[in-house]
Amino acid sequence: MTADRTAVRPAAAAAGRTARRRIWLLLTAGVLAGIDLGAKAWAQKALVDAPIEAWPVNLQLAFNPGMAFSFAADAPAGVVITVAGLITTAIAVWAWRIAPTARGAWRAALAAILGGAVANVIDRAGDSVVTDYLHTGWWPTFNLADVFIVLGGISIVVLSFLGSEHEPTKQPPLR
Protein backbone atom coordinates (compact mmCIF):
# COMPACT_ATOMS: atom_id res chain seq x y z
CA MET A 1 0.00 0.00 0.00
CA THR A 2 2.84 2.38 0.69
CA ALA A 3 4.28 1.85 -2.78
CA ASP A 4 0.99 2.95 -4.36
CA ARG A 5 0.89 6.14 -2.29
CA THR A 6 4.40 7.17 -3.22
CA ALA A 7 3.78 6.42 -6.88
CA VAL A 8 0.91 8.90 -6.94
CA ARG A 9 2.73 11.75 -5.21
CA PRO A 10 5.20 12.60 -7.98
CA ALA A 11 2.36 12.77 -10.49
CA ALA A 12 0.30 14.96 -8.16
CA ALA A 13 3.28 17.25 -7.58
CA ALA A 14 3.87 17.56 -11.31
CA ALA A 15 0.18 18.32 -11.91
CA GLY A 16 0.26 21.01 -9.24
CA ARG A 17 3.40 22.57 -10.73
CA THR A 18 1.80 22.51 -14.19
CA ALA A 19 -1.33 24.22 -12.89
CA ARG A 20 0.66 26.87 -10.97
CA ARG A 21 2.78 27.70 -14.00
CA ARG A 22 -0.22 28.01 -16.27
CA ILE A 23 -2.11 30.12 -13.76
CA TRP A 24 0.92 32.37 -13.27
CA LEU A 25 1.22 32.84 -17.04
CA LEU A 26 -2.48 33.68 -17.42
CA LEU A 27 -2.53 36.02 -14.41
CA THR A 28 0.58 37.83 -15.60
CA ALA A 29 -0.87 38.19 -19.10
CA GLY A 30 -4.14 39.44 -17.56
CA VAL A 31 -2.38 42.02 -15.39
CA LEU A 32 -0.40 43.32 -18.38
CA ALA A 33 -3.56 43.49 -20.50
CA GLY A 34 -5.30 45.36 -17.68
CA ILE A 35 -2.46 47.87 -17.40
CA ASP A 36 -2.62 48.55 -21.14
CA LEU A 37 -6.41 48.80 -21.24
CA GLY A 38 -6.33 51.21 -18.29
CA ALA A 39 -3.73 53.36 -20.04
CA LYS A 40 -5.84 53.34 -23.22
CA ALA A 41 -8.94 54.43 -21.28
CA TRP A 42 -6.94 57.24 -19.68
CA ALA A 43 -5.51 58.32 -23.06
CA GLN A 44 -8.98 58.46 -24.63
CA LYS A 45 -10.08 60.91 -21.94
CA ALA A 46 -6.93 62.92 -21.24
CA LEU A 47 -5.38 63.26 -24.69
CA VAL A 48 -8.40 64.11 -26.87
CA ASP A 49 -7.44 67.73 -27.54
CA ALA A 50 -4.28 68.04 -25.51
CA PRO A 51 -1.23 65.97 -26.44
CA ILE A 52 1.46 65.94 -23.78
CA GLU A 53 5.06 66.56 -24.79
CA ALA A 54 7.30 64.32 -22.72
CA TRP A 55 10.49 63.81 -24.75
CA PRO A 56 11.52 61.27 -26.04
CA VAL A 57 8.02 59.80 -26.17
CA ASN A 58 5.10 62.19 -26.38
CA LEU A 59 1.56 61.25 -25.42
CA GLN A 60 -0.68 61.79 -28.43
CA LEU A 61 -3.98 60.06 -29.14
CA ALA A 62 -4.29 58.08 -32.36
CA PHE A 63 -6.42 55.20 -33.60
CA ASN A 64 -5.19 52.34 -35.78
CA PRO A 65 -7.80 50.39 -37.79
CA GLY A 66 -5.10 48.03 -39.08
CA MET A 67 -2.61 45.73 -37.47
CA ALA A 68 1.09 46.45 -36.83
CA PHE A 69 2.28 49.55 -38.70
CA SER A 70 -1.31 50.02 -39.97
CA PHE A 71 -1.00 46.88 -42.10
CA ALA A 72 -4.41 45.99 -43.53
CA ALA A 73 -5.89 49.31 -42.39
CA ASP A 74 -8.19 49.27 -45.43
CA ALA A 75 -9.36 45.70 -44.82
CA PRO A 76 -12.89 45.14 -43.47
CA ALA A 77 -12.95 45.46 -39.68
CA GLY A 78 -14.34 41.95 -39.30
CA VAL A 79 -11.39 40.49 -41.17
CA VAL A 80 -8.85 42.39 -39.05
CA ILE A 81 -10.59 41.39 -35.81
CA THR A 82 -10.82 37.75 -36.93
CA VAL A 83 -7.16 37.57 -37.93
CA ALA A 84 -6.05 39.29 -34.71
CA GLY A 85 -8.24 36.92 -32.70
CA LEU A 86 -6.86 33.85 -34.45
CA ILE A 87 -3.26 34.99 -33.91
CA THR A 88 -3.99 35.69 -30.25
CA THR A 89 -5.64 32.28 -29.86
CA ALA A 90 -2.61 30.58 -31.43
CA ILE A 91 -0.31 32.42 -29.01
CA ALA A 92 -2.51 31.41 -26.07
CA VAL A 93 -2.50 27.74 -27.12
CA TRP A 94 1.28 27.78 -27.62
CA ALA A 95 1.83 29.44 -24.23
CA TRP A 96 -0.57 27.03 -22.50
CA ARG A 97 1.16 24.01 -23.99
CA ILE A 98 4.73 24.96 -23.15
CA ALA A 99 4.10 26.67 -19.78
CA PRO A 100 4.46 23.45 -17.75
CA THR A 101 8.05 22.88 -18.87
CA ALA A 102 9.17 26.37 -19.91
CA ARG A 103 11.73 28.21 -17.85
CA GLY A 104 10.55 31.28 -15.94
CA ALA A 105 11.99 33.78 -18.41
CA TRP A 106 10.20 32.01 -21.26
CA ARG A 107 6.91 32.10 -19.36
CA ALA A 108 7.39 35.82 -18.66
CA ALA A 109 8.09 36.54 -22.33
CA LEU A 110 5.05 34.52 -23.41
CA ALA A 111 2.88 36.29 -20.83
CA ALA A 112 4.02 39.66 -22.19
CA ILE A 113 3.16 38.69 -25.76
CA LEU A 114 -0.16 37.16 -24.75
CA GLY A 115 -1.11 40.09 -22.51
CA GLY A 116 -0.36 42.62 -25.24
CA ALA A 117 -2.20 40.62 -27.89
CA VAL A 118 -5.27 40.14 -25.68
CA ALA A 119 -5.35 43.85 -24.78
CA ASN A 120 -5.24 44.88 -28.44
CA VAL A 121 -7.99 42.40 -29.39
CA ILE A 122 -10.21 43.62 -26.54
CA ASP A 123 -9.57 47.25 -27.49
CA ARG A 124 -10.30 46.54 -31.16
CA ALA A 125 -13.51 44.61 -30.38
CA GLY A 126 -15.31 47.74 -29.17
CA ASP A 127 -14.92 50.03 -32.17
CA SER A 128 -12.71 48.16 -34.68
CA VAL A 129 -9.64 50.29 -33.92
CA VAL A 130 -6.74 50.06 -31.50
CA THR A 131 -6.02 53.09 -29.34
CA ASP A 132 -2.44 54.30 -29.61
CA TYR A 133 -0.92 57.06 -27.49
CA LEU A 134 2.89 56.78 -27.42
CA HIS A 135 4.38 58.98 -30.15
CA THR A 136 8.06 59.50 -30.97
CA GLY A 137 7.78 61.51 -34.16
CA TRP A 138 10.06 59.11 -36.05
CA TRP A 139 8.13 55.88 -35.41
CA PRO A 140 4.44 55.07 -35.82
CA THR A 141 2.34 55.85 -32.74
CA PHE A 142 1.96 52.78 -30.50
CA ASN A 143 0.70 51.65 -27.07
CA LEU A 144 1.86 49.62 -24.06
CA ALA A 145 0.42 46.42 -25.51
CA ASP A 146 2.71 46.88 -28.50
CA VAL A 147 5.64 47.41 -26.12
CA PHE A 148 4.77 44.19 -24.26
CA ILE A 149 4.54 42.23 -27.53
CA VAL A 150 7.84 43.57 -28.88
CA LEU A 151 9.75 43.09 -25.61
CA GLY A 152 8.32 39.56 -25.26
CA GLY A 153 9.33 38.75 -28.83
CA ILE A 154 12.84 40.14 -28.37
CA SER A 155 13.14 38.15 -25.14
CA ILE A 156 12.19 34.93 -26.91
CA VAL A 157 14.77 35.55 -29.63
CA VAL A 158 17.49 36.24 -27.03
CA LEU A 159 16.45 33.25 -24.91
CA SER A 160 16.50 31.03 -28.00
CA PHE A 161 20.13 31.95 -28.60
CA LEU A 162 21.04 31.44 -24.94
CA GLY A 163 19.82 27.87 -24.64
CA SER A 164 16.97 25.54 -23.97
CA GLU A 165 13.48 26.86 -23.46
CA HIS A 166 12.52 23.89 -21.31
CA GLU A 167 13.66 22.88 -17.88
CA PRO A 168 15.59 19.65 -17.87
CA THR A 169 13.52 16.70 -16.74
CA LYS A 170 14.60 15.02 -13.56
CA GLN A 171 16.27 11.74 -14.36
CA PRO A 172 16.23 8.88 -11.89
CA PRO A 173 19.68 8.12 -10.45
CA LEU A 174 21.71 5.52 -12.34
CA ARG A 175 22.16 2.24 -10.51
C-alpha atoms as a PDB file:
ATOM      1  CA  MET A   1       0.000   0.000   0.000  1.00  0.00           C
ATOM      2  CA  THR A   2       2.842   2.384   0.693  1.00  0.00           C
ATOM      3  CA  ALA A   3       4.278   1.847  -2.778  1.00  0.00           C
ATOM      4  CA  ASP A   4       0.990   2.950  -4.356  1.00  0.00           C
ATOM      5  CA  ARG A   5       0.892   6.140  -2.295  1.00  0.00           C
ATOM      6  CA  THR A   6       4.403   7.171  -3.219  1.00  0.00           C
ATOM      7  CA  ALA A   7       3.780   6.418  -6.883  1.00  0.00           C
ATOM      8  CA  VAL A   8       0.905   8.903  -6.935  1.00  0.00           C
ATOM      9  CA  ARG A   9       2.726  11.750  -5.208  1.00  0.00           C
ATOM     10  CA  PRO A  10       5.197  12.596  -7.975  1.00  0.00           C
ATOM     11  CA  ALA A  11       2.365  12.775 -10.495  1.00  0.00           C
ATOM     12  CA  ALA A  12       0.304  14.963  -8.163  1.00  0.00           C
ATOM     13  CA  ALA A  13       3.276  17.255  -7.578  1.00  0.00           C
ATOM     14  CA  ALA A  14       3.865  17.558 -11.310  1.00  0.00           C
ATOM     15  CA  ALA A  15       0.183  18.316 -11.913  1.00  0.00           C
ATOM     16  CA  GLY A  16       0.256  21.008  -9.235  1.00  0.00           C
ATOM     17  CA  ARG A  17       3.396  22.566 -10.730  1.00  0.00           C
ATOM     18  CA  THR A  18       1.796  22.509 -14.191  1.00  0.00           C
ATOM     19  CA  ALA A  19      -1.335  24.219 -12.886  1.00  0.00           C
ATOM     20  CA  ARG A  20       0.660  26.867 -10.969  1.00  0.00           C
ATOM     21  CA  ARG A  21       2.783  27.699 -13.997  1.00  0.00           C
ATOM     22  CA  ARG A  22      -0.223  28.015 -16.270  1.00  0.00           C
ATOM     23  CA  ILE A  23      -2.114  30.123 -13.757  1.00  0.00           C
ATOM     24  CA  TRP A  24       0.922  32.372 -13.268  1.00  0.00           C
ATOM     25  CA  LEU A  25       1.219  32.835 -17.038  1.00  0.00           C
ATOM     26  CA  LEU A  26      -2.480  33.680 -17.423  1.00  0.00           C
ATOM     27  CA  LEU A  27      -2.530  36.018 -14.406  1.00  0.00           C
ATOM     28  CA  THR A  28       0.576  37.834 -15.600  1.00  0.00           C
ATOM     29  CA  ALA A  29      -0.874  38.195 -19.096  1.00  0.00           C
ATOM     30  CA  GLY A  30      -4.137  39.442 -17.555  1.00  0.00           C
ATOM     31  CA  VAL A  31      -2.376  42.025 -15.387  1.00  0.00           C
ATOM     32  CA  LEU A  32      -0.396  43.320 -18.375  1.00  0.00           C
ATOM     33  CA  ALA A  33      -3.557  43.487 -20.497  1.00  0.00           C
ATOM     34  CA  GLY A  34      -5.304  45.357 -17.681  1.00  0.00           C
ATOM     35  CA  ILE A  35      -2.464  47.871 -17.400  1.00  0.00           C
ATOM     36  CA  ASP A  36      -2.625  48.552 -21.137  1.00  0.00           C
ATOM     37  CA  LEU A  37      -6.414  48.800 -21.239  1.00  0.00           C
ATOM     38  CA  GLY A  38      -6.326  51.208 -18.294  1.00  0.00           C
ATOM     39  CA  ALA A  39      -3.730  53.361 -20.039  1.00  0.00           C
ATOM     40  CA  LYS A  40      -5.844  53.344 -23.224  1.00  0.00           C
ATOM     41  CA  ALA A  41      -8.940  54.429 -21.276  1.00  0.00           C
ATOM     42  CA  TRP A  42      -6.944  57.239 -19.681  1.00  0.00           C
ATOM     43  CA  ALA A  43      -5.511  58.316 -23.057  1.00  0.00           C
ATOM     44  CA  GLN A  44      -8.979  58.465 -24.630  1.00  0.00           C
ATOM     45  CA  LYS A  45     -10.078  60.914 -21.940  1.00  0.00           C
ATOM     46  CA  ALA A  46      -6.925  62.917 -21.237  1.00  0.00           C
ATOM     47  CA  LEU A  47      -5.380  63.260 -24.690  1.00  0.00           C
ATOM     48  CA  VAL A  48      -8.402  64.112 -26.869  1.00  0.00           C
ATOM     49  CA  ASP A  49      -7.439  67.734 -27.542  1.00  0.00           C
ATOM     50  CA  ALA A  50      -4.276  68.040 -25.510  1.00  0.00           C
ATOM     51  CA  PRO A  51      -1.230  65.975 -26.443  1.00  0.00           C
ATOM     52  CA  ILE A  52       1.463  65.939 -23.784  1.00  0.00           C
ATOM     53  CA  GLU A  53       5.059  66.563 -24.792  1.00  0.00           C
ATOM     54  CA  ALA A  54       7.299  64.322 -22.720  1.00  0.00           C
ATOM     55  CA  TRP A  55      10.486  63.805 -24.746  1.00  0.00           C
ATOM     56  CA  PRO A  56      11.523  61.274 -26.041  1.00  0.00           C
ATOM     57  CA  VAL A  57       8.022  59.797 -26.171  1.00  0.00           C
ATOM     58  CA  ASN A  58       5.104  62.192 -26.382  1.00  0.00           C
ATOM     59  CA  LEU A  59       1.564  61.250 -25.424  1.00  0.00           C
ATOM     60  CA  GLN A  60      -0.681  61.792 -28.425  1.00  0.00           C
ATOM     61  CA  LEU A  61      -3.981  60.061 -29.138  1.00  0.00           C
ATOM     62  CA  ALA A  62      -4.290  58.076 -32.362  1.00  0.00           C
ATOM     63  CA  PHE A  63      -6.418  55.201 -33.599  1.00  0.00           C
ATOM     64  CA  ASN A  64      -5.195  52.338 -35.783  1.00  0.00           C
ATOM     65  CA  PRO A  65      -7.802  50.391 -37.792  1.00  0.00           C
ATOM     66  CA  GLY A  66      -5.104  48.026 -39.081  1.00  0.00           C
ATOM     67  CA  MET A  67      -2.608  45.734 -37.471  1.00  0.00           C
ATOM     68  CA  ALA A  68       1.090  46.445 -36.829  1.00  0.00           C
ATOM     69  CA  PHE A  69       2.284  49.552 -38.701  1.00  0.00           C
ATOM     70  CA  SER A  70      -1.313  50.023 -39.969  1.00  0.00           C
ATOM     71  CA  PHE A  71      -0.996  46.882 -42.100  1.00  0.00           C
ATOM     72  CA  ALA A  72      -4.414  45.993 -43.531  1.00  0.00           C
ATOM     73  CA  ALA A  73      -5.889  49.314 -42.387  1.00  0.00           C
ATOM     74  CA  ASP A  74      -8.187  49.273 -45.430  1.00  0.00           C
ATOM     75  CA  ALA A  75      -9.361  45.705 -44.818  1.00  0.00           C
ATOM     76  CA  PRO A  76     -12.889  45.144 -43.473  1.00  0.00           C
ATOM     77  CA  ALA A  77     -12.949  45.462 -39.677  1.00  0.00           C
ATOM     78  CA  GLY A  78     -14.344  41.946 -39.296  1.00  0.00           C
ATOM     79  CA  VAL A  79     -11.385  40.488 -41.165  1.00  0.00           C
ATOM     80  CA  VAL A  80      -8.850  42.395 -39.046  1.00  0.00           C
ATOM     81  CA  ILE A  81     -10.592  41.392 -35.806  1.00  0.00           C
ATOM     82  CA  THR A  82     -10.817  37.749 -36.926  1.00  0.00           C
ATOM     83  CA  VAL A  83      -7.157  37.575 -37.931  1.00  0.00           C
ATOM     84  CA  ALA A  84      -6.047  39.294 -34.709  1.00  0.00           C
ATOM     85  CA  GLY A  85      -8.238  36.917 -32.696  1.00  0.00           C
ATOM     86  CA  LEU A  86      -6.861  33.851 -34.447  1.00  0.00           C
ATOM     87  CA  ILE A  87      -3.263  34.989 -33.907  1.00  0.00           C
ATOM     88  CA  THR A  88      -3.990  35.692 -30.247  1.00  0.00           C
ATOM     89  CA  THR A  89      -5.644  32.280 -29.863  1.00  0.00           C
ATOM     90  CA  ALA A  90      -2.610  30.578 -31.430  1.00  0.00           C
ATOM     91  CA  ILE A  91      -0.309  32.422 -29.007  1.00  0.00           C
ATOM     92  CA  ALA A  92      -2.512  31.414 -26.073  1.00  0.00           C
ATOM     93  CA  VAL A  93      -2.503  27.744 -27.118  1.00  0.00           C
ATOM     94  CA  TRP A  94       1.277  27.781 -27.620  1.00  0.00           C
ATOM     95  CA  ALA A  95       1.830  29.442 -24.226  1.00  0.00           C
ATOM     96  CA  TRP A  96      -0.573  27.032 -22.503  1.00  0.00           C
ATOM     97  CA  ARG A  97       1.160  24.006 -23.991  1.00  0.00           C
ATOM     98  CA  ILE A  98       4.734  24.964 -23.147  1.00  0.00           C
ATOM     99  CA  ALA A  99       4.101  26.673 -19.782  1.00  0.00           C
ATOM    100  CA  PRO A 100       4.458  23.454 -17.745  1.00  0.00           C
ATOM    101  CA  THR A 101       8.049  22.876 -18.871  1.00  0.00           C
ATOM    102  CA  ALA A 102       9.173  26.368 -19.913  1.00  0.00           C
ATOM    103  CA  ARG A 103      11.734  28.210 -17.846  1.00  0.00           C
ATOM    104  CA  GLY A 104      10.549  31.282 -15.939  1.00  0.00           C
ATOM    105  CA  ALA A 105      11.993  33.784 -18.412  1.00  0.00           C
ATOM    106  CA  TRP A 106      10.199  32.007 -21.260  1.00  0.00           C
ATOM    107  CA  ARG A 107       6.911  32.102 -19.357  1.00  0.00           C
ATOM    108  CA  ALA A 108       7.388  35.824 -18.656  1.00  0.00           C
ATOM    109  CA  ALA A 109       8.091  36.536 -22.333  1.00  0.00           C
ATOM    110  CA  LEU A 110       5.047  34.520 -23.408  1.00  0.00           C
ATOM    111  CA  ALA A 111       2.884  36.292 -20.826  1.00  0.00           C
ATOM    112  CA  ALA A 112       4.018  39.663 -22.187  1.00  0.00           C
ATOM    113  CA  ILE A 113       3.159  38.694 -25.758  1.00  0.00           C
ATOM    114  CA  LEU A 114      -0.165  37.160 -24.754  1.00  0.00           C
ATOM    115  CA  GLY A 115      -1.111  40.093 -22.514  1.00  0.00           C
ATOM    116  CA  GLY A 116      -0.356  42.615 -25.240  1.00  0.00           C
ATOM    117  CA  ALA A 117      -2.202  40.618 -27.888  1.00  0.00           C
ATOM    118  CA  VAL A 118      -5.270  40.140 -25.683  1.00  0.00           C
ATOM    119  CA  ALA A 119      -5.346  43.846 -24.784  1.00  0.00           C
ATOM    120  CA  ASN A 120      -5.236  44.876 -28.435  1.00  0.00           C
ATOM    121  CA  VAL A 121      -7.988  42.401 -29.387  1.00  0.00           C
ATOM    122  CA  ILE A 122     -10.208  43.622 -26.540  1.00  0.00           C
ATOM    123  CA  ASP A 123      -9.569  47.248 -27.491  1.00  0.00           C
ATOM    124  CA  ARG A 124     -10.297  46.542 -31.164  1.00  0.00           C
ATOM    125  CA  ALA A 125     -13.513  44.606 -30.378  1.00  0.00           C
ATOM    126  CA  GLY A 126     -15.310  47.741 -29.174  1.00  0.00           C
ATOM    127  CA  ASP A 127     -14.919  50.030 -32.166  1.00  0.00           C
ATOM    128  CA  SER A 128     -12.711  48.164 -34.679  1.00  0.00           C
ATOM    129  CA  VAL A 129      -9.637  50.289 -33.917  1.00  0.00           C
ATOM    130  CA  VAL A 130      -6.736  50.059 -31.504  1.00  0.00           C
ATOM    131  CA  THR A 131      -6.022  53.089 -29.343  1.00  0.00           C
ATOM    132  CA  ASP A 132      -2.439  54.304 -29.610  1.00  0.00           C
ATOM    133  CA  TYR A 133      -0.920  57.063 -27.492  1.00  0.00           C
ATOM    134  CA  LEU A 134       2.892  56.778 -27.420  1.00  0.00           C
ATOM    135  CA  HIS A 135       4.377  58.976 -30.151  1.00  0.00           C
ATOM    136  CA  THR A 136       8.057  59.496 -30.966  1.00  0.00           C
ATOM    137  CA  GLY A 137       7.775  61.512 -34.163  1.00  0.00           C
ATOM    138  CA  TRP A 138      10.057  59.111 -36.047  1.00  0.00           C
ATOM    139  CA  TRP A 139       8.130  55.878 -35.412  1.00  0.00           C
ATOM    140  CA  PRO A 140       4.437  55.069 -35.820  1.00  0.00           C
ATOM    141  CA  THR A 141       2.344  55.848 -32.738  1.00  0.00           C
ATOM    142  CA  PHE A 142       1.959  52.776 -30.498  1.00  0.00           C
ATOM    143  CA  ASN A 143       0.698  51.652 -27.072  1.00  0.00           C
ATOM    144  CA  LEU A 144       1.864  49.624 -24.057  1.00  0.00           C
ATOM    145  CA  ALA A 145       0.421  46.417 -25.507  1.00  0.00           C
ATOM    146  CA  ASP A 146       2.713  46.878 -28.495  1.00  0.00           C
ATOM    147  CA  VAL A 147       5.643  47.406 -26.117  1.00  0.00           C
ATOM    148  CA  PHE A 148       4.775  44.188 -24.264  1.00  0.00           C
ATOM    149  CA  ILE A 149       4.542  42.233 -27.535  1.00  0.00           C
ATOM    150  CA  VAL A 150       7.841  43.572 -28.875  1.00  0.00           C
ATOM    151  CA  LEU A 151       9.745  43.086 -25.606  1.00  0.00           C
ATOM    152  CA  GLY A 152       8.320  39.564 -25.261  1.00  0.00           C
ATOM    153  CA  GLY A 153       9.333  38.755 -28.831  1.00  0.00           C
ATOM    154  CA  ILE A 154      12.839  40.139 -28.371  1.00  0.00           C
ATOM    155  CA  SER A 155      13.145  38.153 -25.136  1.00  0.00           C
ATOM    156  CA  ILE A 156      12.188  34.929 -26.905  1.00  0.00           C
ATOM    157  CA  VAL A 157      14.768  35.545 -29.628  1.00  0.00           C
ATOM    158  CA  VAL A 158      17.486  36.236 -27.034  1.00  0.00           C
ATOM    159  CA  LEU A 159      16.448  33.246 -24.912  1.00  0.00           C
ATOM    160  CA  SER A 160      16.502  31.034 -28.002  1.00  0.00           C
ATOM    161  CA  PHE A 161      20.134  31.949 -28.596  1.00  0.00           C
ATOM    162  CA  LEU A 162      21.038  31.437 -24.939  1.00  0.00           C
ATOM    163  CA  GLY A 163      19.823  27.875 -24.638  1.00  0.00           C
ATOM    164  CA  SER A 164      16.974  25.538 -23.968  1.00  0.00           C
ATOM    165  CA  GLU A 165      13.476  26.864 -23.457  1.00  0.00           C
ATOM    166  CA  HIS A 166      12.520  23.891 -21.308  1.00  0.00           C
ATOM    167  CA  GLU A 167      13.656  22.885 -17.882  1.00  0.00           C
ATOM    168  CA  PRO A 168      15.586  19.646 -17.867  1.00  0.00           C
ATOM    169  CA  THR A 169      13.523  16.704 -16.741  1.00  0.00           C
ATOM    170  CA  LYS A 170      14.602  15.016 -13.564  1.00  0.00           C
ATOM    171  CA  GLN A 171      16.274  11.743 -14.365  1.00  0.00           C
ATOM    172  CA  PRO A 172      16.229   8.879 -11.892  1.00  0.00           C
ATOM    173  CA  PRO A 173      19.681   8.121 -10.454  1.00  0.00           C
ATOM    174  CA  LEU A 174      21.709   5.523 -12.339  1.00  0.00           C
ATOM    175  CA  ARG A 175      22.157   2.239 -10.513  1.00  0.00           C
END
